[in-house]
Amino acid sequence: GRTYFESGWEETPSYSLQSLAPGNVLEGPALLLDDISTVVVEPNCTATVTATGHLEILVRPRKGARGETRTGPEAQRGAEAAPAEGAPSPSGDADPVQLSLYSHRFMGIAEQMGRTLQRTSVSTNIKERLDFSCALFDASGGLVANAPHIPVHLGAMQDAVQLQQRRWEGDIHAGDVFLSNCPHTAGGS
């Protein structure tokens, strides 16, 4: 098939991710497809399947209209850039790609919680007005991700979760579910 890129229309072969083996190298442009995702390998990029089955994509500098090599942000896409002068150096603790992937996964979970609540609800306020919030919290009750339903609830949700943690401290086990509809907890929310 053909795909439109910044440089214009290009012939773009498609490959099944499951059919690729470690060591396979694909020159962009290419589309890598599986049941739940699509990876676009742009022109001037090369995708290599690693020994562990991951994709490693090399982004080469692009050529400008007059043949000169481009530099700057558009040529550095996918490459690691040095921090700006005076900016704090990255600690190396958080990989930005993994951080983004997990952020989107957590947001997807919170959004799916909301869709399930809406679909199974008998309340008009929930089913039609979408008057609810769904969020994920960490072990200390801190907000990790929230779905974009009614965000006004989110300010109080963290306090409500932390209150339940304190109330049931030492008696919380895997699989436990806590429901609270107390108007006096977490600021009356």
C-alpha atoms as a PDB file:
ATOM      1  CA  GLY A   1       0.000   0.000   0.000  1.00  0.00           C
ATOM      2  CA  ARG A   2       0.904   3.672  -0.027  1.00  0.00           C
ATOM      3  CA  THR A   3       1.307   5.867   3.049  1.00  0.00           C
ATOM      4  CA  TYR A   4       1.654   9.627   3.282  1.00  0.00           C
ATOM      5  CA  PHE A   5       4.762  10.865   5.124  1.00  0.00           C
ATOM      6  CA  GLU A   6       6.320  14.316   5.499  1.00  0.00           C
ATOM      7  CA  SER A   7       8.152  13.731   2.222  1.00  0.00           C
ATOM      8  CA  GLY A   8       4.929  12.722   0.385  1.00  0.00           C
ATOM      9  CA  TRP A   9       3.322   9.450  -0.682  1.00  0.00           C
ATOM     10  CA  GLU A  10       5.548   6.361  -0.419  1.00  0.00           C
ATOM     11  CA  GLU A  11       5.093   2.682  -1.184  1.00  0.00           C
ATOM     12  CA  THR A  12       4.882   1.079   2.260  1.00  0.00           C
ATOM     13  CA  PRO A  13       4.987  -2.685   2.748  1.00  0.00           C
ATOM     14  CA  SER A  14       3.150  -4.211   5.741  1.00  0.00           C
ATOM     15  CA  TYR A  15       4.502  -7.009   7.923  1.00  0.00           C
ATOM     16  CA  SER A  16       2.967  -9.074  10.699  1.00  0.00           C
ATOM     17  CA  LEU A  17       4.954  -8.595  13.917  1.00  0.00           C
ATOM     18  CA  GLN A  18       4.408 -12.280  14.774  1.00  0.00           C
ATOM     19  CA  SER A  19       6.114 -13.352  11.547  1.00  0.00           C
ATOM     20  CA  LEU A  20       9.318 -11.436  12.296  1.00  0.00           C
ATOM     21  CA  ALA A  21      12.276 -13.264  13.814  1.00  0.00           C
ATOM     22  CA  PRO A  22      15.231 -11.986  15.850  1.00  0.00           C
ATOM     23  CA  GLY A  23      17.781 -10.437  13.506  1.00  0.00           C
ATOM     24  CA  ASN A  24      15.239  -9.338  10.873  1.00  0.00           C
ATOM     25  CA  VAL A  25      16.030  -5.829   9.592  1.00  0.00           C
ATOM     26  CA  LEU A  26      13.399  -3.707   7.851  1.00  0.00           C
ATOM     27  CA  GLU A  27      14.150  -0.444   6.052  1.00  0.00           C
ATOM     28  CA  GLY A  28      11.506   2.256   6.340  1.00  0.00           C
ATOM     29  CA  PRO A  29       8.978   3.017   5.288  1.00  0.00           C
ATOM     30  CA  ALA A  30       7.144  -0.018   6.655  1.00  0.00           C
ATOM     31  CA  LEU A  31       4.088  -0.867   8.751  1.00  0.00           C
ATOM     32  CA  LEU A  32       4.459  -3.553  11.415  1.00  0.00           C
ATOM     33  CA  LEU A  33       1.065  -4.903  12.487  1.00  0.00           C
ATOM     34  CA  ASP A  34      -0.269  -7.123  15.248  1.00  0.00           C
ATOM     35  CA  ASP A  35      -3.633  -7.585  16.983  1.00  0.00           C
ATOM     36  CA  ILE A  36      -3.335  -4.582  19.305  1.00  0.00           C
ATOM     37  CA  SER A  37      -0.868  -2.158  17.768  1.00  0.00           C
ATOM     38  CA  THR A  38       0.749  -0.755  14.668  1.00  0.00           C
ATOM     39  CA  VAL A  39       4.356   0.391  14.453  1.00  0.00           C
ATOM     40  CA  VAL A  40       5.167   2.887  11.713  1.00  0.00           C
ATOM     41  CA  VAL A  41       8.772   2.744  10.540  1.00  0.00           C
ATOM     42  CA  GLU A  42       9.254   6.080   8.795  1.00  0.00           C
ATOM     43  CA  PRO A  43      11.515   6.739   5.805  1.00  0.00           C
ATOM     44  CA  ASN A  44      15.151   7.156   6.897  1.00  0.00           C
ATOM     45  CA  CYS A  45      14.572   4.673   9.729  1.00  0.00           C
ATOM     46  CA  THR A  46      15.537   1.041  10.163  1.00  0.00           C
ATOM     47  CA  ALA A  47      13.732  -1.430  12.444  1.00  0.00           C
ATOM     48  CA  THR A  48      15.662  -4.388  13.810  1.00  0.00           C
ATOM     49  CA  VAL A  49      14.131  -7.258  15.788  1.00  0.00           C
ATOM     50  CA  THR A  50      16.356  -7.846  18.829  1.00  0.00           C
ATOM     51  CA  ALA A  51      17.245 -11.242  20.295  1.00  0.00           C
ATOM     52  CA  THR A  52      14.506 -10.724  22.912  1.00  0.00           C
ATOM     53  CA  GLY A  53      11.876  -9.966  20.244  1.00  0.00           C
ATOM     54  CA  HIS A  54      11.752  -6.211  20.818  1.00  0.00           C
ATOM     55  CA  LEU A  55      11.996  -3.654  18.043  1.00  0.00           C
ATOM     56  CA  GLU A  56      14.960  -1.309  17.884  1.00  0.00           C
ATOM     57  CA  ILE A  57      14.440   1.604  15.523  1.00  0.00           C
ATOM     58  CA  LEU A  58      17.396   3.585  14.236  1.00  0.00           C
ATOM     59  CA  VAL A  59      16.549   7.113  13.088  1.00  0.00           C
ATOM     60  CA  ARG A  60      19.030   8.530  10.568  1.00  0.00           C
ATOM     61  CA  PRO A  61      19.399  12.271   9.844  1.00  0.00           C
ATOM     62  CA  ARG A  62      17.121  13.442   7.052  1.00  0.00           C
ATOM     63  CA  LYS A  63      18.258  15.167   3.878  1.00  0.00           C
ATOM     64  CA  GLY A  64      16.827  18.610   3.177  1.00  0.00           C
ATOM     65  CA  ALA A  65      15.417  19.813  -0.145  1.00  0.00           C
ATOM     66  CA  ARG A  66      18.926  20.800  -1.358  1.00  0.00           C
ATOM     67  CA  GLY A  67      20.567  17.588  -0.156  1.00  0.00           C
ATOM     68  CA  GLU A  68      22.005  19.050   3.063  1.00  0.00           C
ATOM     69  CA  THR A  69      21.776  16.969   6.239  1.00  0.00           C
ATOM     70  CA  ARG A  70      19.163  18.348   8.591  1.00  0.00           C
ATOM     71  CA  THR A  71      19.958  18.918  12.199  1.00  0.00           C
ATOM     72  CA  GLY A  72      17.748  20.033  15.041  1.00  0.00           C
ATOM     73  CA  PRO A  73      14.647  18.505  16.584  1.00  0.00           C
ATOM     74  CA  GLU A  74      13.130  17.123  13.382  1.00  0.00           C
ATOM     75  CA  ALA A  75      16.332  15.222  12.578  1.00  0.00           C
ATOM     76  CA  GLN A  76      16.793  14.059  16.133  1.00  0.00           C
ATOM     77  CA  ARG A  77      13.396  12.366  16.468  1.00  0.00           C
ATOM     78  CA  GLY A  78      13.952   9.104  18.263  1.00  0.00           C
ATOM     79  CA  ALA A  79      17.553   9.939  19.113  1.00  0.00           C
ATOM     80  CA  GLU A  80      18.666  10.853  22.601  1.00  0.00           C
ATOM     81  CA  ALA A  81      19.243  14.604  22.841  1.00  0.00           C
ATOM     82  CA  ALA A  82      21.607  16.238  25.293  1.00  0.00           C
ATOM     83  CA  PRO A  83      19.954  18.306  28.030  1.00  0.00           C
ATOM     84  CA  ALA A  84      19.793  22.046  27.391  1.00  0.00           C
ATOM     85  CA  GLU A  85      22.456  24.161  29.035  1.00  0.00           C
ATOM     86  CA  GLY A  86      21.507  24.800  32.656  1.00  0.00           C
ATOM     87  CA  ALA A  87      18.813  22.080  32.607  1.00  0.00           C
ATOM     88  CA  PRO A  88      19.100  19.300  35.158  1.00  0.00           C
ATOM     89  CA  SER A  89      20.725  16.174  33.777  1.00  0.00           C
ATOM     90  CA  PRO A  90      18.426  13.151  33.537  1.00  0.00           C
ATOM     91  CA  SER A  91      19.061  10.670  36.354  1.00  0.00           C
ATOM     92  CA  GLY A  92      18.663   7.647  34.118  1.00  0.00           C
ATOM     93  CA  ASP A  93      16.093   6.169  36.511  1.00  0.00           C
ATOM     94  CA  ALA A  94      13.128   6.646  34.194  1.00  0.00           C
ATOM     95  CA  ASP A  95      13.222   5.649  30.551  1.00  0.00           C
ATOM     96  CA  PRO A  96      10.985   8.196  28.765  1.00  0.00           C
ATOM     97  CA  VAL A  97       9.652   5.588  26.332  1.00  0.00           C
ATOM     98  CA  GLN A  98       8.673   3.171  29.107  1.00  0.00           C
ATOM     99  CA  LEU A  99       7.259   6.057  31.132  1.00  0.00           C
ATOM    100  CA  SER A 100       5.050   7.036  28.203  1.00  0.00           C
ATOM    101  CA  LEU A 101       3.987   3.445  27.526  1.00  0.00           C
ATOM    102  CA  TYR A 102       3.000   2.810  31.145  1.00  0.00           C
ATOM    103  CA  SER A 103       1.277   6.182  31.405  1.00  0.00           C
ATOM    104  CA  HIS A 104      -0.901   5.297  28.404  1.00  0.00           C
ATOM    105  CA  ARG A 105      -1.540   1.796  29.763  1.00  0.00           C
ATOM    106  CA  PHE A 106      -2.665   3.159  33.128  1.00  0.00           C
ATOM    107  CA  MET A 107      -4.860   5.791  31.459  1.00  0.00           C
ATOM    108  CA  GLY A 108      -6.393   3.046  29.311  1.00  0.00           C
ATOM    109  CA  ILE A 109      -7.202   0.993  32.402  1.00  0.00           C
ATOM    110  CA  ALA A 110      -8.892   3.969  34.089  1.00  0.00           C
ATOM    111  CA  GLU A 111     -10.863   4.747  30.903  1.00  0.00           C
ATOM    112  CA  GLN A 112     -11.954   1.101  30.573  1.00  0.00           C
ATOM    113  CA  MET A 113     -13.108   1.173  34.215  1.00  0.00           C
ATOM    114  CA  GLY A 114     -15.306   4.139  33.294  1.00  0.00           C
ATOM    115  CA  ARG A 115     -16.722   2.466  30.178  1.00  0.00           C
ATOM    116  CA  THR A 116     -17.554  -0.638  32.196  1.00  0.00           C
ATOM    117  CA  LEU A 117     -19.193   1.425  34.930  1.00  0.00           C
ATOM    118  CA  GLN A 118     -21.234   3.355  32.363  1.00  0.00           C
ATOM    119  CA  ARG A 119     -22.250   0.221  30.456  1.00  0.00           C
ATOM    120  CA  THR A 120     -23.362  -1.717  33.567  1.00  0.00           C
ATOM    121  CA  SER A 121     -24.958   1.135  35.487  1.00  0.00           C
ATOM    122  CA  VAL A 122     -28.692   1.600  36.016  1.00  0.00           C
ATOM    123  CA  SER A 123     -28.261   5.169  37.293  1.00  0.00           C
ATOM    124  CA  THR A 124     -29.116   7.920  34.801  1.00  0.00           C
ATOM    125  CA  ASN A 125     -26.439  10.114  36.403  1.00  0.00           C
ATOM    126  CA  ILE A 126     -23.785   7.562  35.539  1.00  0.00           C
ATOM    127  CA  LYS A 127     -25.147   6.022  32.337  1.00  0.00           C
ATOM    128  CA  GLU A 128     -26.152   9.231  30.541  1.00  0.00           C
ATOM    129  CA  ARG A 129     -24.634  12.208  32.365  1.00  0.00           C
ATOM    130  CA  LEU A 130     -21.307  10.458  32.998  1.00  0.00           C
ATOM    131  CA  ASP A 131     -21.270  11.923  36.529  1.00  0.00           C
ATOM    132  CA  PHE A 132     -18.471   9.760  37.939  1.00  0.00           C
ATOM    133  CA  SER A 133     -14.698   9.472  38.060  1.00  0.00           C
ATOM    134  CA  CYS A 134     -12.372   6.489  37.735  1.00  0.00           C
ATOM    135  CA  ALA A 135      -8.721   6.485  38.720  1.00  0.00           C
ATOM    136  CA  LEU A 136      -5.789   4.257  39.656  1.00  0.00           C
ATOM    137  CA  PHE A 137      -3.797   4.827  42.833  1.00  0.00           C
ATOM    138  CA  ASP A 138      -0.429   3.540  44.046  1.00  0.00           C
ATOM    139  CA  ALA A 139       0.204   1.601  47.260  1.00  0.00           C
ATOM    140  CA  SER A 140       0.387   4.841  49.288  1.00  0.00           C
ATOM    141  CA  GLY A 141      -2.930   6.105  47.867  1.00  0.00           C
ATOM    142  CA  GLY A 142      -1.326   8.588  45.478  1.00  0.00           C
ATOM    143  CA  LEU A 143      -3.022   9.238  42.133  1.00  0.00           C
ATOM    144  CA  VAL A 144      -1.360   7.368  39.233  1.00  0.00           C
ATOM    145  CA  ALA A 145      -3.848   7.887  36.390  1.00  0.00           C
ATOM    146  CA  ASN A 146      -7.371   9.163  35.991  1.00  0.00           C
ATOM    147  CA  ALA A 147      -9.933   8.909  33.236  1.00  0.00           C
ATOM    148  CA  PRO A 148     -11.307  12.169  31.826  1.00  0.00           C
ATOM    149  CA  HIS A 149     -14.856  11.805  33.125  1.00  0.00           C
ATOM    150  CA  ILE A 150     -15.800  14.336  35.830  1.00  0.00           C
ATOM    151  CA  PRO A 151     -12.404  15.502  37.151  1.00  0.00           C
ATOM    152  CA  VAL A 152     -13.968  17.491  40.029  1.00  0.00           C
ATOM    153  CA  HIS A 153     -14.086  14.239  42.013  1.00  0.00           C
ATOM    154  CA  LEU A 154     -10.368  13.628  41.676  1.00  0.00           C
ATOM    155  CA  GLY A 155      -9.286  16.137  44.308  1.00  0.00           C
ATOM    156  CA  ALA A 156     -11.125  14.190  46.975  1.00  0.00           C
ATOM    157  CA  MET A 157     -10.522  10.671  45.631  1.00  0.00           C
ATOM    158  CA  GLN A 158      -6.924  10.491  46.823  1.00  0.00           C
ATOM    159  CA  ASP A 159      -7.972  11.517  50.351  1.00  0.00           C
ATOM    160  CA  ALA A 160     -10.817   8.969  50.298  1.00  0.00           C
ATOM    161  CA  VAL A 161      -8.423   6.190  49.238  1.00  0.00           C
ATOM    162  CA  GLN A 162      -5.874   7.158  51.877  1.00  0.00           C
ATOM    163  CA  LEU A 163      -8.600   7.302  54.548  1.00  0.00           C
ATOM    164  CA  GLN A 164      -9.676   3.739  53.688  1.00  0.00           C
ATOM    165  CA  GLN A 165      -6.040   2.627  53.802  1.00  0.00           C
ATOM    166  CA  ARG A 166      -5.672   4.061  57.312  1.00  0.00           C
ATOM    167  CA  ARG A 167      -9.029   2.627  58.404  1.00  0.00           C
ATOM    168  CA  TRP A 168      -8.216  -0.906  57.233  1.00  0.00           C
ATOM    169  CA  GLU A 169      -4.438  -0.813  57.802  1.00  0.00           C
ATOM    170  CA  GLY A 170      -3.072  -4.286  58.453  1.00  0.00           C
ATOM    171  CA  ASP A 171      -6.260  -5.933  57.173  1.00  0.00           C
ATOM    172  CA  ILE A 172      -5.944  -5.289  53.414  1.00  0.00           C
ATOM    173  CA  HIS A 173      -5.384  -8.363  51.243  1.00  0.00           C
ATOM    174  CA  ALA A 174      -5.025  -9.056  47.523  1.00  0.00           C
ATOM    175  CA  GLY A 175      -8.455  -9.054  45.885  1.00  0.00           C
ATOM    176  CA  ASP A 176     -10.138  -6.884  48.559  1.00  0.00           C
ATOM    177  CA  VAL A 177     -12.602  -4.288  47.279  1.00  0.00           C
ATOM    178  CA  PHE A 178     -13.548  -1.186  49.280  1.00  0.00           C
ATOM    179  CA  LEU A 179     -16.677   0.844  48.603  1.00  0.00           C
ATOM    180  CA  SER A 180     -17.342   4.147  50.317  1.00  0.00           C
ATOM    181  CA  ASN A 181     -20.250   6.501  49.904  1.00  0.00           C
ATOM    182  CA  CYS A 182     -19.773   8.520  53.081  1.00  0.00           C
ATOM    183  CA  PRO A 183     -20.413  12.253  52.522  1.00  0.00           C
ATOM    184  CA  HIS A 184     -18.142  13.174  55.436  1.00  0.00           C
ATOM    185  CA  THR A 185     -15.013  11.486  54.105  1.00  0.00           C
ATOM    186  CA  ALA A 186     -12.554  13.222  51.841  1.00  0.00           C
ATOM    187  CA  GLY A 187     -14.155  16.632  51.950  1.00  0.00           C
ATOM    188  CA  GLY A 188     -17.728  15.402  51.457  1.00  0.00           C
ATOM    189  CA  SER A 189     -17.223  14.075  47.953  1.00  0.00           C
END
